[in-house]
Protein backbone atom coordinates (compact mmCIF):
# COMPACT_ATOMS: atom_id res chain seq x y z
CA UNK A 1 0.00 0.00 0.00
CA UNK A 2 1.97 2.91 1.36
CA UNK A 3 5.32 1.75 -0.04
CA UNK A 4 3.90 1.47 -3.55
CA UNK A 5 2.52 5.03 -3.36
CA UNK A 6 5.90 6.28 -2.17
CA UNK A 7 7.69 4.41 -4.93
CA UNK A 8 5.36 5.89 -7.55
CA UNK A 9 6.12 9.37 -6.19
CA UNK A 10 9.85 8.76 -6.46
CA UNK A 11 9.46 7.56 -10.06
CA UNK A 12 7.45 10.69 -10.92
CA UNK A 13 10.12 12.96 -9.45
CA UNK A 14 12.87 11.11 -11.31
CA UNK A 15 10.89 11.24 -14.55
CA UNK A 16 10.34 14.99 -14.14
CA UNK A 17 14.04 15.51 -13.49
CA UNK A 18 15.06 13.49 -16.52
CA UNK A 19 12.71 15.34 -18.87
CA UNK A 20 13.33 18.87 -17.62
CA UNK A 21 15.57 21.50 -19.17
CA UNK A 22 17.52 22.00 -15.93
CA UNK A 23 17.63 25.79 -16.24
CA UNK A 24 17.24 25.95 -12.46
CA UNK A 25 20.76 24.52 -12.05
CA UNK A 26 22.21 27.89 -13.04
CA UNK A 27 19.84 29.82 -10.79
CA UNK A 28 20.72 31.50 -7.51
CA UNK A 29 18.53 29.18 -5.42
CA UNK A 30 20.34 26.02 -6.49
CA UNK A 31 23.74 27.71 -6.36
CA UNK A 32 23.02 28.99 -2.85
CA UNK A 33 21.78 25.58 -1.75
CA UNK A 34 24.97 23.94 -2.98
CA UNK A 35 27.03 26.53 -1.11
CA UNK A 36 25.13 25.87 2.09
CA UNK A 37 25.58 22.10 1.73
CA UNK A 38 29.32 22.58 1.12
CA UNK A 39 29.58 24.71 4.27
CA UNK A 40 27.60 22.15 6.28
CA UNK A 41 29.83 19.38 4.95
CA UNK A 42 32.92 21.28 6.09
CA UNK A 43 31.35 21.85 9.51
CA UNK A 44 30.46 18.18 9.90
CA UNK A 45 33.95 17.11 8.81
CA UNK A 46 35.33 19.28 11.59
CA UNK A 47 32.91 17.79 14.11
CA UNK A 48 33.73 14.30 12.88
CA UNK A 49 37.37 14.73 13.88
CA UNK A 50 36.25 15.10 17.50
CA UNK A 51 34.43 11.74 17.64
CA UNK A 52 35.78 9.57 14.86
CA UNK A 53 34.29 6.26 16.04
CA UNK A 54 30.64 7.36 16.04
CA UNK A 55 28.69 5.35 13.43
CA UNK A 56 26.38 8.32 12.86
CA UNK A 57 29.11 9.93 10.75
CA UNK A 58 28.88 7.18 8.15
CA UNK A 59 25.20 8.03 7.60
CA UNK A 60 25.90 11.78 7.53
CA UNK A 61 28.60 11.21 4.91
CA UNK A 62 26.20 9.13 2.81
CA UNK A 63 23.67 11.98 2.78
CA UNK A 64 26.35 14.41 1.58
CA UNK A 65 27.55 11.89 -1.01
CA UNK A 66 24.04 11.47 -2.41
CA UNK A 67 23.57 15.23 -2.62
CA UNK A 68 26.90 15.78 -4.38
CA UNK A 69 26.25 12.95 -6.83
CA UNK A 70 22.87 14.54 -7.57
CA UNK A 71 24.58 17.90 -8.11
CA UNK A 72 27.11 16.41 -10.52
CA UNK A 73 24.38 14.59 -12.42
CA UNK A 74 22.14 17.62 -12.91
CA UNK A 75 25.09 19.82 -13.88
CA UNK A 76 26.16 17.26 -16.47
CA UNK A 77 22.60 17.04 -17.75
CA UNK A 78 22.41 20.84 -18.01
CA UNK A 79 25.71 20.89 -19.93
CA UNK A 80 24.33 18.38 -22.41
CA UNK A 81 25.84 15.09 -21.26
CA UNK A 82 23.47 12.13 -21.06
C-alpha atoms as a PDB file:
ATOM      1  CA  UNK A   1       0.000   0.000   0.000  1.00  0.00           C
ATOM      2  CA  UNK A   2       1.971   2.908   1.362  1.00  0.00           C
ATOM      3  CA  UNK A   3       5.322   1.746  -0.042  1.00  0.00           C
ATOM      4  CA  UNK A   4       3.899   1.475  -3.547  1.00  0.00           C
ATOM      5  CA  UNK A   5       2.523   5.032  -3.363  1.00  0.00           C
ATOM      6  CA  UNK A   6       5.896   6.284  -2.167  1.00  0.00           C
ATOM      7  CA  UNK A   7       7.695   4.409  -4.931  1.00  0.00           C
ATOM      8  CA  UNK A   8       5.362   5.890  -7.550  1.00  0.00           C
ATOM      9  CA  UNK A   9       6.122   9.370  -6.194  1.00  0.00           C
ATOM     10  CA  UNK A  10       9.854   8.757  -6.457  1.00  0.00           C
ATOM     11  CA  UNK A  11       9.461   7.564 -10.064  1.00  0.00           C
ATOM     12  CA  UNK A  12       7.454  10.690 -10.922  1.00  0.00           C
ATOM     13  CA  UNK A  13      10.117  12.964  -9.451  1.00  0.00           C
ATOM     14  CA  UNK A  14      12.872  11.110 -11.313  1.00  0.00           C
ATOM     15  CA  UNK A  15      10.888  11.241 -14.546  1.00  0.00           C
ATOM     16  CA  UNK A  16      10.340  14.990 -14.140  1.00  0.00           C
ATOM     17  CA  UNK A  17      14.038  15.512 -13.490  1.00  0.00           C
ATOM     18  CA  UNK A  18      15.064  13.490 -16.523  1.00  0.00           C
ATOM     19  CA  UNK A  19      12.709  15.336 -18.870  1.00  0.00           C
ATOM     20  CA  UNK A  20      13.330  18.874 -17.624  1.00  0.00           C
ATOM     21  CA  UNK A  21      15.572  21.502 -19.169  1.00  0.00           C
ATOM     22  CA  UNK A  22      17.523  22.001 -15.930  1.00  0.00           C
ATOM     23  CA  UNK A  23      17.633  25.792 -16.244  1.00  0.00           C
ATOM     24  CA  UNK A  24      17.240  25.950 -12.463  1.00  0.00           C
ATOM     25  CA  UNK A  25      20.762  24.516 -12.049  1.00  0.00           C
ATOM     26  CA  UNK A  26      22.215  27.886 -13.039  1.00  0.00           C
ATOM     27  CA  UNK A  27      19.841  29.817 -10.793  1.00  0.00           C
ATOM     28  CA  UNK A  28      20.721  31.498  -7.512  1.00  0.00           C
ATOM     29  CA  UNK A  29      18.527  29.178  -5.416  1.00  0.00           C
ATOM     30  CA  UNK A  30      20.342  26.020  -6.487  1.00  0.00           C
ATOM     31  CA  UNK A  31      23.743  27.714  -6.357  1.00  0.00           C
ATOM     32  CA  UNK A  32      23.023  28.989  -2.847  1.00  0.00           C
ATOM     33  CA  UNK A  33      21.778  25.583  -1.749  1.00  0.00           C
ATOM     34  CA  UNK A  34      24.973  23.941  -2.979  1.00  0.00           C
ATOM     35  CA  UNK A  35      27.026  26.535  -1.114  1.00  0.00           C
ATOM     36  CA  UNK A  36      25.131  25.866   2.095  1.00  0.00           C
ATOM     37  CA  UNK A  37      25.581  22.100   1.735  1.00  0.00           C
ATOM     38  CA  UNK A  38      29.322  22.581   1.122  1.00  0.00           C
ATOM     39  CA  UNK A  39      29.577  24.713   4.271  1.00  0.00           C
ATOM     40  CA  UNK A  40      27.601  22.147   6.278  1.00  0.00           C
ATOM     41  CA  UNK A  41      29.830  19.379   4.949  1.00  0.00           C
ATOM     42  CA  UNK A  42      32.922  21.280   6.086  1.00  0.00           C
ATOM     43  CA  UNK A  43      31.347  21.848   9.508  1.00  0.00           C
ATOM     44  CA  UNK A  44      30.457  18.180   9.895  1.00  0.00           C
ATOM     45  CA  UNK A  45      33.945  17.115   8.807  1.00  0.00           C
ATOM     46  CA  UNK A  46      35.331  19.282  11.594  1.00  0.00           C
ATOM     47  CA  UNK A  47      32.911  17.789  14.109  1.00  0.00           C
ATOM     48  CA  UNK A  48      33.735  14.296  12.882  1.00  0.00           C
ATOM     49  CA  UNK A  49      37.370  14.733  13.882  1.00  0.00           C
ATOM     50  CA  UNK A  50      36.252  15.099  17.504  1.00  0.00           C
ATOM     51  CA  UNK A  51      34.431  11.745  17.643  1.00  0.00           C
ATOM     52  CA  UNK A  52      35.777   9.567  14.864  1.00  0.00           C
ATOM     53  CA  UNK A  53      34.293   6.260  16.043  1.00  0.00           C
ATOM     54  CA  UNK A  54      30.645   7.357  16.042  1.00  0.00           C
ATOM     55  CA  UNK A  55      28.693   5.353  13.432  1.00  0.00           C
ATOM     56  CA  UNK A  56      26.378   8.323  12.858  1.00  0.00           C
ATOM     57  CA  UNK A  57      29.106   9.934  10.745  1.00  0.00           C
ATOM     58  CA  UNK A  58      28.876   7.178   8.150  1.00  0.00           C
ATOM     59  CA  UNK A  59      25.205   8.033   7.603  1.00  0.00           C
ATOM     60  CA  UNK A  60      25.897  11.779   7.530  1.00  0.00           C
ATOM     61  CA  UNK A  61      28.597  11.209   4.915  1.00  0.00           C
ATOM     62  CA  UNK A  62      26.202   9.125   2.811  1.00  0.00           C
ATOM     63  CA  UNK A  63      23.673  11.980   2.776  1.00  0.00           C
ATOM     64  CA  UNK A  64      26.351  14.407   1.585  1.00  0.00           C
ATOM     65  CA  UNK A  65      27.550  11.892  -1.012  1.00  0.00           C
ATOM     66  CA  UNK A  66      24.036  11.466  -2.413  1.00  0.00           C
ATOM     67  CA  UNK A  67      23.570  15.231  -2.622  1.00  0.00           C
ATOM     68  CA  UNK A  68      26.902  15.782  -4.379  1.00  0.00           C
ATOM     69  CA  UNK A  69      26.245  12.945  -6.832  1.00  0.00           C
ATOM     70  CA  UNK A  70      22.872  14.537  -7.569  1.00  0.00           C
ATOM     71  CA  UNK A  71      24.583  17.898  -8.109  1.00  0.00           C
ATOM     72  CA  UNK A  72      27.112  16.410 -10.525  1.00  0.00           C
ATOM     73  CA  UNK A  73      24.379  14.589 -12.422  1.00  0.00           C
ATOM     74  CA  UNK A  74      22.139  17.624 -12.912  1.00  0.00           C
ATOM     75  CA  UNK A  75      25.085  19.825 -13.880  1.00  0.00           C
ATOM     76  CA  UNK A  76      26.164  17.257 -16.470  1.00  0.00           C
ATOM     77  CA  UNK A  77      22.599  17.039 -17.746  1.00  0.00           C
ATOM     78  CA  UNK A  78      22.411  20.836 -18.014  1.00  0.00           C
ATOM     79  CA  UNK A  79      25.710  20.887 -19.929  1.00  0.00           C
ATOM     80  CA  UNK A  80      24.332  18.380 -22.413  1.00  0.00           C
ATOM     81  CA  UNK A  81      25.843  15.092 -21.256  1.00  0.00           C
ATOM     82  CA  UNK A  82      23.470  12.135 -21.064  1.00  0.00           C
END
